[in-house]
Amino acid sequence: MEGIEDNKKNDHSREEVYSNAVRAGKRTYFFDVKATRAEDYYLTITESKRRFNNDTQKFFFEKHKLFLYKEDFEKFSEGLIDAISKIKELKAEQGEEIVEKVATEFSDVSFDDLGSEATPAD
């Protein structure tokens, strides 16, 4: 029984506090706020892309995860905003305007869709 209790403690150490999924083209980004054992918070950002395996003829999800800790929030935000501003500046110099879409409704994300197997759309 001791092992089971230890596992429960470990599960609690990564307790999910908040989650937001954002679909962007062929990618989905998951923003998850989690709590540590010390009741501190951190953010995981996961990029998920659906890929097709030609060998198995099945879809799978390729995921990349980034852990962001509170002491890095401000510098990370500044770096992200700076990089996006630079991209907009460079595109403007090329005569292109970046059109930003404004969401009018919450993205409807079904986690059932993420695990379903379908035929390739491409």
C-alpha atoms as a PDB file:
ATOM      1  CA  MET A   1       0.000   0.000   0.000  1.00  0.00           C
ATOM      2  CA  GLU A   2       2.906   2.336   0.614  1.00  0.00           C
ATOM      3  CA  GLY A   3       3.750   2.370  -3.108  1.00  0.00           C
ATOM      4  CA  ILE A   4       0.190   3.342  -3.997  1.00  0.00           C
ATOM      5  CA  GLU A   5       0.278   6.259  -1.573  1.00  0.00           C
ATOM      6  CA  ASP A   6       3.632   7.382  -3.008  1.00  0.00           C
ATOM      7  CA  ASN A   7       2.099   7.335  -6.497  1.00  0.00           C
ATOM      8  CA  LYS A   8      -0.824   9.447  -5.283  1.00  0.00           C
ATOM      9  CA  LYS A   9       1.633  11.967  -3.858  1.00  0.00           C
ATOM     10  CA  ASN A  10       3.488  12.067  -7.180  1.00  0.00           C
ATOM     11  CA  ASP A  11       0.211  12.540  -9.064  1.00  0.00           C
ATOM     12  CA  HIS A  12      -0.648  15.437  -6.763  1.00  0.00           C
ATOM     13  CA  SER A  13       2.784  16.956  -7.332  1.00  0.00           C
ATOM     14  CA  ARG A  14       1.826  17.582 -10.952  1.00  0.00           C
ATOM     15  CA  GLU A  15      -1.810  18.452 -10.389  1.00  0.00           C
ATOM     16  CA  GLU A  16      -3.361  20.228 -13.359  1.00  0.00           C
ATOM     17  CA  VAL A  17      -4.902  23.516 -12.269  1.00  0.00           C
ATOM     18  CA  TYR A  18      -5.915  25.008 -15.617  1.00  0.00           C
ATOM     19  CA  SER A  19      -5.844  23.890 -19.230  1.00  0.00           C
ATOM     20  CA  ASN A  20      -6.510  25.670 -22.498  1.00  0.00           C
ATOM     21  CA  ALA A  21      -6.275  24.099 -25.956  1.00  0.00           C
ATOM     22  CA  VAL A  22      -5.770  26.319 -28.990  1.00  0.00           C
ATOM     23  CA  ARG A  23      -6.127  24.977 -32.511  1.00  0.00           C
ATOM     24  CA  ALA A  24      -3.949  26.761 -35.037  1.00  0.00           C
ATOM     25  CA  GLY A  25      -4.016  25.280 -38.515  1.00  0.00           C
ATOM     26  CA  LYS A  26      -2.658  21.740 -38.418  1.00  0.00           C
ATOM     27  CA  ARG A  27      -1.332  22.162 -34.887  1.00  0.00           C
ATOM     28  CA  THR A  28      -2.918  22.251 -31.473  1.00  0.00           C
ATOM     29  CA  TYR A  29      -1.243  24.054 -28.600  1.00  0.00           C
ATOM     30  CA  PHE A  30      -2.033  23.051 -25.043  1.00  0.00           C
ATOM     31  CA  PHE A  31      -1.369  25.554 -22.253  1.00  0.00           C
ATOM     32  CA  ASP A  32      -1.468  23.695 -18.942  1.00  0.00           C
ATOM     33  CA  VAL A  33      -0.925  25.271 -15.529  1.00  0.00           C
ATOM     34  CA  LYS A  34       0.236  22.681 -13.018  1.00  0.00           C
ATOM     35  CA  ALA A  35       0.975  22.713  -9.299  1.00  0.00           C
ATOM     36  CA  THR A  36       4.134  21.371  -7.689  1.00  0.00           C
ATOM     37  CA  ARG A  37       4.364  19.530  -4.380  1.00  0.00           C
ATOM     38  CA  ALA A  38       5.310  22.849  -2.771  1.00  0.00           C
ATOM     39  CA  GLU A  39       2.051  24.331  -4.127  1.00  0.00           C
ATOM     40  CA  ASP A  40       3.888  26.461  -6.655  1.00  0.00           C
ATOM     41  CA  TYR A  41       2.804  26.781 -10.284  1.00  0.00           C
ATOM     42  CA  TYR A  42       4.426  26.287 -13.662  1.00  0.00           C
ATOM     43  CA  LEU A  43       3.258  26.240 -17.252  1.00  0.00           C
ATOM     44  CA  THR A  44       3.660  23.524 -19.845  1.00  0.00           C
ATOM     45  CA  ILE A  45       3.158  24.416 -23.470  1.00  0.00           C
ATOM     46  CA  THR A  46       2.657  21.411 -25.724  1.00  0.00           C
ATOM     47  CA  GLU A  47       2.608  21.547 -29.498  1.00  0.00           C
ATOM     48  CA  SER A  48       0.764  18.587 -30.994  1.00  0.00           C
ATOM     49  CA  LYS A  49       0.815  17.776 -34.704  1.00  0.00           C
ATOM     50  CA  ARG A  50      -1.065  14.930 -36.301  1.00  0.00           C
ATOM     51  CA  ARG A  51       1.200  12.870 -38.536  1.00  0.00           C
ATOM     52  CA  PHE A  52       0.662   9.846 -40.731  1.00  0.00           C
ATOM     53  CA  ASN A  53       2.913   6.789 -40.444  1.00  0.00           C
ATOM     54  CA  ASN A  54       3.305   5.267 -43.906  1.00  0.00           C
ATOM     55  CA  ASP A  55       4.554   1.958 -42.465  1.00  0.00           C
ATOM     56  CA  THR A  56       1.569   1.335 -40.173  1.00  0.00           C
ATOM     57  CA  GLN A  57      -0.912   3.337 -42.268  1.00  0.00           C
ATOM     58  CA  LYS A  58      -2.127   5.033 -39.082  1.00  0.00           C
ATOM     59  CA  PHE A  59      -2.145   8.516 -37.654  1.00  0.00           C
ATOM     60  CA  PHE A  60      -0.149   9.432 -34.578  1.00  0.00           C
ATOM     61  CA  PHE A  61       0.486  12.651 -32.674  1.00  0.00           C
ATOM     62  CA  GLU A  62       3.944  14.147 -32.553  1.00  0.00           C
ATOM     63  CA  LYS A  63       4.305  16.258 -29.423  1.00  0.00           C
ATOM     64  CA  HIS A  64       6.857  18.779 -28.247  1.00  0.00           C
ATOM     65  CA  LYS A  65       6.696  20.096 -24.709  1.00  0.00           C
ATOM     66  CA  LEU A  66       8.123  23.217 -23.092  1.00  0.00           C
ATOM     67  CA  PHE A  67       8.201  23.764 -19.329  1.00  0.00           C
ATOM     68  CA  LEU A  68       8.067  27.382 -18.213  1.00  0.00           C
ATOM     69  CA  TYR A  69       8.678  28.289 -14.579  1.00  0.00           C
ATOM     70  CA  LYS A  70       7.398  31.421 -12.846  1.00  0.00           C
ATOM     71  CA  GLU A  71      10.848  32.993 -12.491  1.00  0.00           C
ATOM     72  CA  ASP A  72      11.081  32.970 -16.307  1.00  0.00           C
ATOM     73  CA  PHE A  73       7.570  34.242 -17.175  1.00  0.00           C
ATOM     74  CA  GLU A  74       8.523  37.902 -17.647  1.00  0.00           C
ATOM     75  CA  LYS A  75      11.657  37.297 -19.731  1.00  0.00           C
ATOM     76  CA  PHE A  76       9.890  34.645 -21.810  1.00  0.00           C
ATOM     77  CA  SER A  77       6.963  37.025 -22.480  1.00  0.00           C
ATOM     78  CA  GLU A  78       9.323  39.850 -23.409  1.00  0.00           C
ATOM     79  CA  GLY A  79      11.284  37.590 -25.758  1.00  0.00           C
ATOM     80  CA  LEU A  80       8.131  36.278 -27.419  1.00  0.00           C
ATOM     81  CA  ILE A  81       6.630  39.745 -27.898  1.00  0.00           C
ATOM     82  CA  ASP A  82       9.960  41.046 -29.234  1.00  0.00           C
ATOM     83  CA  ALA A  83      10.281  38.187 -31.737  1.00  0.00           C
ATOM     84  CA  ILE A  84       6.682  38.584 -32.963  1.00  0.00           C
ATOM     85  CA  SER A  85       7.175  42.351 -33.326  1.00  0.00           C
ATOM     86  CA  LYS A  86      10.318  41.730 -35.400  1.00  0.00           C
ATOM     87  CA  ILE A  87       8.457  39.350 -37.698  1.00  0.00           C
ATOM     88  CA  LYS A  88       5.715  41.948 -38.203  1.00  0.00           C
ATOM     89  CA  GLU A  89       8.339  44.629 -38.895  1.00  0.00           C
ATOM     90  CA  LEU A  90      10.156  42.446 -41.453  1.00  0.00           C
ATOM     91  CA  LYS A  91       6.901  41.521 -43.193  1.00  0.00           C
ATOM     92  CA  ALA A  92       5.890  45.207 -43.338  1.00  0.00           C
ATOM     93  CA  GLU A  93       9.259  45.996 -44.974  1.00  0.00           C
ATOM     94  CA  GLN A  94       8.434  43.349 -47.588  1.00  0.00           C
ATOM     95  CA  GLY A  95       5.108  45.073 -48.215  1.00  0.00           C
ATOM     96  CA  GLU A  96       3.095  42.326 -46.552  1.00  0.00           C
ATOM     97  CA  GLU A  97       0.586  42.919 -43.819  1.00  0.00           C
ATOM     98  CA  ILE A  98       0.086  40.308 -41.157  1.00  0.00           C
ATOM     99  CA  VAL A  99      -3.623  39.847 -40.660  1.00  0.00           C
ATOM    100  CA  GLU A 100      -4.445  38.736 -37.168  1.00  0.00           C
ATOM    101  CA  LYS A 101      -7.617  36.768 -36.720  1.00  0.00           C
ATOM    102  CA  VAL A 102      -9.714  37.634 -33.716  1.00  0.00           C
ATOM    103  CA  ALA A 103     -11.572  34.709 -32.224  1.00  0.00           C
ATOM    104  CA  THR A 104     -15.236  35.424 -31.744  1.00  0.00           C
ATOM    105  CA  GLU A 105     -15.972  32.151 -30.032  1.00  0.00           C
ATOM    106  CA  PHE A 106     -14.079  29.663 -27.896  1.00  0.00           C
ATOM    107  CA  SER A 107     -12.376  26.979 -29.967  1.00  0.00           C
ATOM    108  CA  ASP A 108     -14.328  23.762 -29.714  1.00  0.00           C
ATOM    109  CA  VAL A 109     -11.727  21.099 -29.000  1.00  0.00           C
ATOM    110  CA  SER A 110     -12.825  17.531 -28.501  1.00  0.00           C
ATOM    111  CA  PHE A 111     -10.220  15.313 -26.918  1.00  0.00           C
ATOM    112  CA  ASP A 112     -12.015  12.347 -28.499  1.00  0.00           C
ATOM    113  CA  ASP A 113     -10.984  13.748 -31.898  1.00  0.00           C
ATOM    114  CA  LEU A 114      -7.334  13.672 -30.870  1.00  0.00           C
ATOM    115  CA  GLY A 115      -7.287   9.924 -30.363  1.00  0.00           C
ATOM    116  CA  SER A 116      -9.445   8.891 -33.293  1.00  0.00           C
ATOM    117  CA  GLU A 117      -7.972   7.296 -36.362  1.00  0.00           C
ATOM    118  CA  ALA A 118      -9.045   8.643 -39.712  1.00  0.00           C
ATOM    119  CA  THR A 119      -7.930   8.488 -43.303  1.00  0.00           C
ATOM    120  CA  PRO A 120      -5.325  11.016 -44.445  1.00  0.00           C
ATOM    121  CA  ALA A 121      -6.815  14.294 -45.618  1.00  0.00           C
ATOM    122  CA  ASP A 122      -3.694  15.430 -47.518  1.00  0.00           C
END
